[in-house]
C-alpha atoms as a PDB file:
ATOM      1  CA  MET A   1      69.548 140.667 116.497  1.00  0.00           C
ATOM      2  CA  ALA A   2      72.218 141.092 119.311  1.00  0.00           C
ATOM      3  CA  ALA A   3      70.925 137.813 121.041  1.00  0.00           C
ATOM      4  CA  GLN A   4      70.981 136.035 117.787  1.00  0.00           C
ATOM      5  CA  SER A   5      74.809 136.911 117.346  1.00  0.00           C
ATOM      6  CA  THR A   6      75.732 135.691 120.707  1.00  0.00           C
ATOM      7  CA  ASP A   7      73.473 132.674 120.399  1.00  0.00           C
ATOM      8  CA  ARG A   8      75.231 131.929 117.041  1.00  0.00           C
ATOM      9  CA  ARG A   9      78.809 132.395 118.719  1.00  0.00           C
ATOM     10  CA  THR A  10      78.054 130.167 121.777  1.00  0.00           C
ATOM     11  CA  PHE A  11      76.697 127.500 119.161  1.00  0.00           C
ATOM     12  CA  ILE A  12      79.895 127.644 117.230  1.00  0.00           C
ATOM     13  CA  GLY A  13      82.072 127.588 120.201  1.00  0.00           C
ATOM     14  CA  THR A  14      80.303 124.509 121.747  1.00  0.00           C
ATOM     15  CA  ALA A  15      80.386 122.700 118.477  1.00  0.00           C
ATOM     16  CA  LEU A  16      84.212 123.444 117.781  1.00  0.00           C
ATOM     17  CA  VAL A  17      85.111 122.008 121.309  1.00  0.00           C
ATOM     18  CA  SER A  18      82.607 119.066 120.986  1.00  0.00           C
ATOM     19  CA  LEU A  19      84.427 118.408 117.510  1.00  0.00           C
ATOM     20  CA  ALA A  20      87.810 118.834 119.199  1.00  0.00           C
ATOM     21  CA  THR A  21      86.776 116.246 121.718  1.00  0.00           C
ATOM     22  CA  LEU A  22      85.449 113.683 119.648  1.00  0.00           C
ATOM     23  CA  THR A  23      88.612 114.069 117.201  1.00  0.00           C
ATOM     24  CA  MET A  24      90.904 113.303 120.178  1.00  0.00           C
ATOM     25  CA  VAL A  25      88.865 110.620 121.410  1.00  0.00           C
ATOM     26  CA  ALA A  26      89.052 108.862 117.815  1.00  0.00           C
ATOM     27  CA  ALA A  27      92.557 109.366 117.728  1.00  0.00           C
ATOM     28  CA  ASP A  28      92.982 107.676 120.837  1.00  0.00           C
ATOM     29  CA  GLY A  29      90.829 104.588 119.945  1.00  0.00           C
ATOM     30  CA  GLN A  30      92.834 104.215 116.750  1.00  0.00           C
ATOM     31  CA  ARG A  31      96.210 103.860 118.519  1.00  0.00           C
ATOM     32  CA  ALA A  32      97.517 100.371 118.779  1.00  0.00           C
ATOM     33  CA  PRO A  33      97.783  99.349 122.471  1.00  0.00           C
ATOM     34  CA  GLU A  34     101.510  99.287 123.785  1.00  0.00           C
ATOM     35  CA  VAL A  35     103.068  95.700 123.547  1.00  0.00           C
ATOM     36  CA  PRO A  36     104.930  94.963 126.894  1.00  0.00           C
ATOM     37  CA  ASN A  37     108.651  94.118 126.510  1.00  0.00           C
ATOM     38  CA  TYR A  38     109.576  90.529 127.262  1.00  0.00           C
ATOM     39  CA  SER A  39     112.585  90.184 129.594  1.00  0.00           C
ATOM     40  CA  ALA A  40     114.966  87.734 131.016  1.00  0.00           C
ATOM     41  CA  ASP A  41     117.391  87.943 133.948  1.00  0.00           C
ATOM     42  CA  VAL A  42     121.066  87.043 133.525  1.00  0.00           C
ATOM     43  CA  PRO A  43     122.828  86.465 136.537  1.00  0.00           C
ATOM     44  CA  PRO A  44     126.385  88.045 136.969  1.00  0.00           C
ATOM     45  CA  GLY A  45     129.293  86.253 135.133  1.00  0.00           C
ATOM     46  CA  ALA A  46     126.653  84.258 133.218  1.00  0.00           C
ATOM     47  CA  THR A  47     126.266  84.427 128.997  1.00  0.00           C
ATOM     48  CA  LEU A  48     122.856  84.351 127.581  1.00  0.00           C
ATOM     49  CA  TRP A  49     122.948  81.967 124.281  1.00  0.00           C
ATOM     50  CA  GLY A  50     120.192  82.033 122.005  1.00  0.00           C
ATOM     51  CA  VAL A  51     118.901  81.406 118.519  1.00  0.00           C
ATOM     52  CA  VAL A  52     116.287  83.371 116.923  1.00  0.00           C
ATOM     53  CA  VAL A  53     113.793  80.937 114.740  1.00  0.00           C
ATOM     54  CA  PHE A  54     112.115  82.769 112.110  1.00  0.00           C
ATOM     55  CA  THR A  55     109.104  80.718 111.187  1.00  0.00           C
ATOM     56  CA  GLY A  56     106.651  83.172 109.619  1.00  0.00           C
ATOM     57  CA  ASP A  57     106.437  84.038 105.681  1.00  0.00           C
ATOM     58  CA  GLU A  58     106.850  87.877 106.149  1.00  0.00           C
ATOM     59  CA  PRO A  59     110.096  89.334 107.621  1.00  0.00           C
ATOM     60  CA  VAL A  60     110.385  89.702 111.111  1.00  0.00           C
ATOM     61  CA  GLU A  61     112.931  91.867 113.091  1.00  0.00           C
ATOM     62  CA  MET A  62     113.759  90.958 116.694  1.00  0.00           C
ATOM     63  CA  THR A  63     115.595  93.593 118.896  1.00  0.00           C
ATOM     64  CA  ILE A  64     117.492  92.503 121.534  1.00  0.00           C
ATOM     65  CA  ALA A  65     118.688  94.949 124.253  1.00  0.00           C
ATOM     66  CA  ALA A  66     121.372  93.548 126.794  1.00  0.00           C
ATOM     67  CA  GLY A  67     122.989  96.005 129.264  1.00  0.00           C
ATOM     68  CA  LYS A  68     124.250  98.928 127.127  1.00  0.00           C
ATOM     69  CA  SER A  69     123.924  96.989 123.946  1.00  0.00           C
ATOM     70  CA  ILE A  70     121.211  96.898 121.736  1.00  0.00           C
ATOM     71  CA  GLY A  71     121.173  94.720 118.550  1.00  0.00           C
ATOM     72  CA  THR A  72     118.751  93.504 115.977  1.00  0.00           C
ATOM     73  CA  VAL A  73     118.450  90.433 114.007  1.00  0.00           C
ATOM     74  CA  ARG A  74     115.866  90.078 110.907  1.00  0.00           C
ATOM     75  CA  GLY A  75     114.722  86.919 108.891  1.00  0.00           C
ATOM     76  CA  ARG A  76     111.639  85.225 107.557  1.00  0.00           C
ATOM     77  CA  PHE A  77     110.967  81.543 106.958  1.00  0.00           C
ATOM     78  CA  GLY A  78     111.776  81.767 103.204  1.00  0.00           C
ATOM     79  CA  GLY A  79     115.161  83.451 103.723  1.00  0.00           C
ATOM     80  CA  GLU A  80     117.228  83.559 106.732  1.00  0.00           C
ATOM     81  CA  ARG A  81     115.536  81.282 108.881  1.00  0.00           C
ATOM     82  CA  LEU A  82     117.984  81.068 111.919  1.00  0.00           C
ATOM     83  CA  LYS A  83     120.237  83.741 113.686  1.00  0.00           C
ATOM     84  CA  GLU A  84     122.457  83.000 116.878  1.00  0.00           C
ATOM     85  CA  TYR A  85     122.605  85.660 119.755  1.00  0.00           C
ATOM     86  CA  SER A  86     125.092  85.776 122.721  1.00  0.00           C
ATOM     87  CA  TRP A  87     125.626  88.348 125.388  1.00  0.00           C
ATOM     88  CA  ARG A  88     127.759  88.120 128.573  1.00  0.00           C
ATOM     89  CA  ASN A  89     126.750  89.673 131.453  1.00  0.00           C
ATOM     90  CA  GLU A  90     130.293  90.860 132.735  1.00  0.00           C
ATOM     91  CA  SER A  91     128.737  93.351 135.548  1.00  0.00           C
ATOM     92  CA  GLY A  92     128.503  92.370 139.120  1.00  0.00           C
ATOM     93  CA  LYS A  93     124.461  92.301 139.219  1.00  0.00           C
ATOM     94  CA  VAL A  94     121.832  90.525 137.738  1.00  0.00           C
ATOM     95  CA  GLN A  95     120.963  92.097 134.341  1.00  0.00           C
ATOM     96  CA  GLN A  96     117.784  92.155 132.225  1.00  0.00           C
ATOM     97  CA  VAL A  97     117.758  91.508 128.531  1.00  0.00           C
ATOM     98  CA  ILE A  98     114.949  92.630 126.795  1.00  0.00           C
ATOM     99  CA  ILE A  99     113.616  91.156 123.435  1.00  0.00           C
ATOM    100  CA  ARG A 100     110.906  92.536 121.384  1.00  0.00           C
ATOM    101  CA  ALA A 101     109.778  91.664 117.871  1.00  0.00           C
ATOM    102  CA  THR A 102     107.975  93.473 114.913  1.00  0.00           C
ATOM    103  CA  ALA A 103     106.682  92.240 111.657  1.00  0.00           C
ATOM    104  CA  LEU A 104     108.245  94.623 109.051  1.00  0.00           C
ATOM    105  CA  ALA A 105     105.037  94.329 106.897  1.00  0.00           C
ATOM    106  CA  GLY A 106     102.804  96.645 108.166  1.00  0.00           C
ATOM    107  CA  ASN A 107     105.512  97.779 111.220  1.00  0.00           C
ATOM    108  CA  ARG A 108     103.555  95.987 113.740  1.00  0.00           C
ATOM    109  CA  GLU A 109     104.751  95.102 117.044  1.00  0.00           C
ATOM    110  CA  LEU A 110     104.411  91.286 117.787  1.00  0.00           C
ATOM    111  CA  HIS A 111     102.989  90.014 121.313  1.00  0.00           C
ATOM    112  CA  THR A 112     104.650  87.352 123.262  1.00  0.00           C
ATOM    113  CA  ALA A 113     102.157  84.481 122.528  1.00  0.00           C
ATOM    114  CA  SER A 114     104.166  81.606 124.550  1.00  0.00           C
ATOM    115  CA  VAL A 115     106.462  82.079 127.139  1.00  0.00           C
ATOM    116  CA  GLU A 116     108.036  78.811 128.551  1.00  0.00           C
ATOM    117  CA  TYR A 117     110.895  78.323 131.149  1.00  0.00           C
ATOM    118  CA  ARG A 118     112.881  75.040 130.914  1.00  0.00           C
ATOM    119  CA  SER A 119     115.132  74.081 133.945  1.00  0.00           C
ATOM    120  CA  ASP A 120     115.185  77.369 135.323  1.00  0.00           C
ATOM    121  CA  GLN A 121     117.695  78.665 133.009  1.00  0.00           C
ATOM    122  CA  ASN A 122     116.279  78.151 129.790  1.00  0.00           C
ATOM    123  CA  VAL A 123     113.694  80.478 127.957  1.00  0.00           C
ATOM    124  CA  TYR A 124     111.500  79.902 125.105  1.00  0.00           C
ATOM    125  CA  VAL A 125     109.649  82.662 123.722  1.00  0.00           C
ATOM    126  CA  GLY A 126     106.947  82.771 120.835  1.00  0.00           C
ATOM    127  CA  PHE A 127     106.190  86.181 119.391  1.00  0.00           C
ATOM    128  CA  GLY A 128     103.091  86.751 117.160  1.00  0.00           C
ATOM    129  CA  ARG A 129     100.184  84.247 116.444  1.00  0.00           C
ATOM    130  CA  ARG A 130      99.715  82.786 112.873  1.00  0.00           C
ATOM    131  CA  ALA A 131      96.681  80.736 111.620  1.00  0.00           C
ATOM    132  CA  THR A 132      97.201  77.196 110.587  1.00  0.00           C
ATOM    133  CA  PRO A 133      95.626  76.595 107.406  1.00  0.00           C
ATOM    134  CA  ASP A 134      93.293  73.462 107.270  1.00  0.00           C
ATOM    135  CA  LYS A 135      94.583  72.071 104.029  1.00  0.00           C
ATOM    136  CA  VAL A 136      98.361  70.771 104.617  1.00  0.00           C
ATOM    137  CA  ASP A 137      99.149  71.807 100.966  1.00  0.00           C
ATOM    138  CA  ALA A 138      98.348  75.510 101.749  1.00  0.00           C
ATOM    139  CA  ARG A 139     100.871  75.506 104.724  1.00  0.00           C
ATOM    140  CA  GLN A 140     103.996  77.201 104.590  1.00  0.00           C
ATOM    141  CA  GLY A 141     106.542  78.272 107.350  1.00  0.00           C
ATOM    142  CA  GLY A 142     106.493  77.100 110.814  1.00  0.00           C
ATOM    143  CA  TYR A 143     103.585  77.336 113.012  1.00  0.00           C
ATOM    144  CA  PRO A 144     101.869  79.009 115.438  1.00  0.00           C
ATOM    145  CA  TYR A 145     104.403  81.734 115.889  1.00  0.00           C
ATOM    146  CA  ASP A 146     105.839  84.178 113.480  1.00  0.00           C
ATOM    147  CA  ALA A 147     109.435  84.144 115.115  1.00  0.00           C
ATOM    148  CA  VAL A 148     110.652  82.083 118.189  1.00  0.00           C
ATOM    149  CA  PHE A 149     113.613  83.197 120.593  1.00  0.00           C
ATOM    150  CA  VAL A 150     115.030  80.200 122.157  1.00  0.00           C
ATOM    151  CA  GLY A 151     117.933  81.176 125.070  1.00  0.00           C
ATOM    152  CA  PHE A 152     120.169  79.204 127.297  1.00  0.00           C
ATOM    153  CA  ILE A 153     121.827  80.754 130.306  1.00  0.00           C
ATOM    154  CA  VAL A 154     125.311  79.251 130.561  1.00  0.00           C
ATOM    155  CA  TYR A 155     127.717  79.431 133.283  1.00  0.00           C
ATOM    156  CA  GLU A 156     131.319  79.588 132.610  1.00  0.00           C
END
C-alpha cells in the first residue's frame, strides 16, 4: 500500500511539472515576435523634417523618439491623412531618431515593409503590408502600406 502511495505521488508530481512546462511553452509560442525599431541618424546641427502619410483604412499611431523627446502622431486614410514632423539635432554628435508604427485596431506593431534611402539624406519607410483587392471598385486608401514616413535631413 505504501508503494502505491509513493507511485501516485511521483506520478502526480511528474504530471504537474510536465503540465507547467507545456503551459510555459504554449505561452511563449503565442507571444508576438518583437518588431525591430527603425532608426535614422541625424548629424549635429541638422533637422529631420518629415511627413507621415496614413494610407490604411484603420487608425495607425506612429511613435517618433528623437533625443529626449518622444512624440506620437495618429491618423488614417479616411480621416487625418497627413501629419508633419520636425526635430533639430542641437547636440554636438549624431543622434538617432527611432520610428515605430502601431495599428490601433488590435494594438499590433507594424513591421517596416520598405525602407529606401534617396540622395544619402532622404528616407522613405513604409510600415505594415496591405493586400490590394483585385477589383478596383473595392480599393480604398493608399497601397500597399498602412502608413509611410518620408523624411528629409535639412542642413541650416
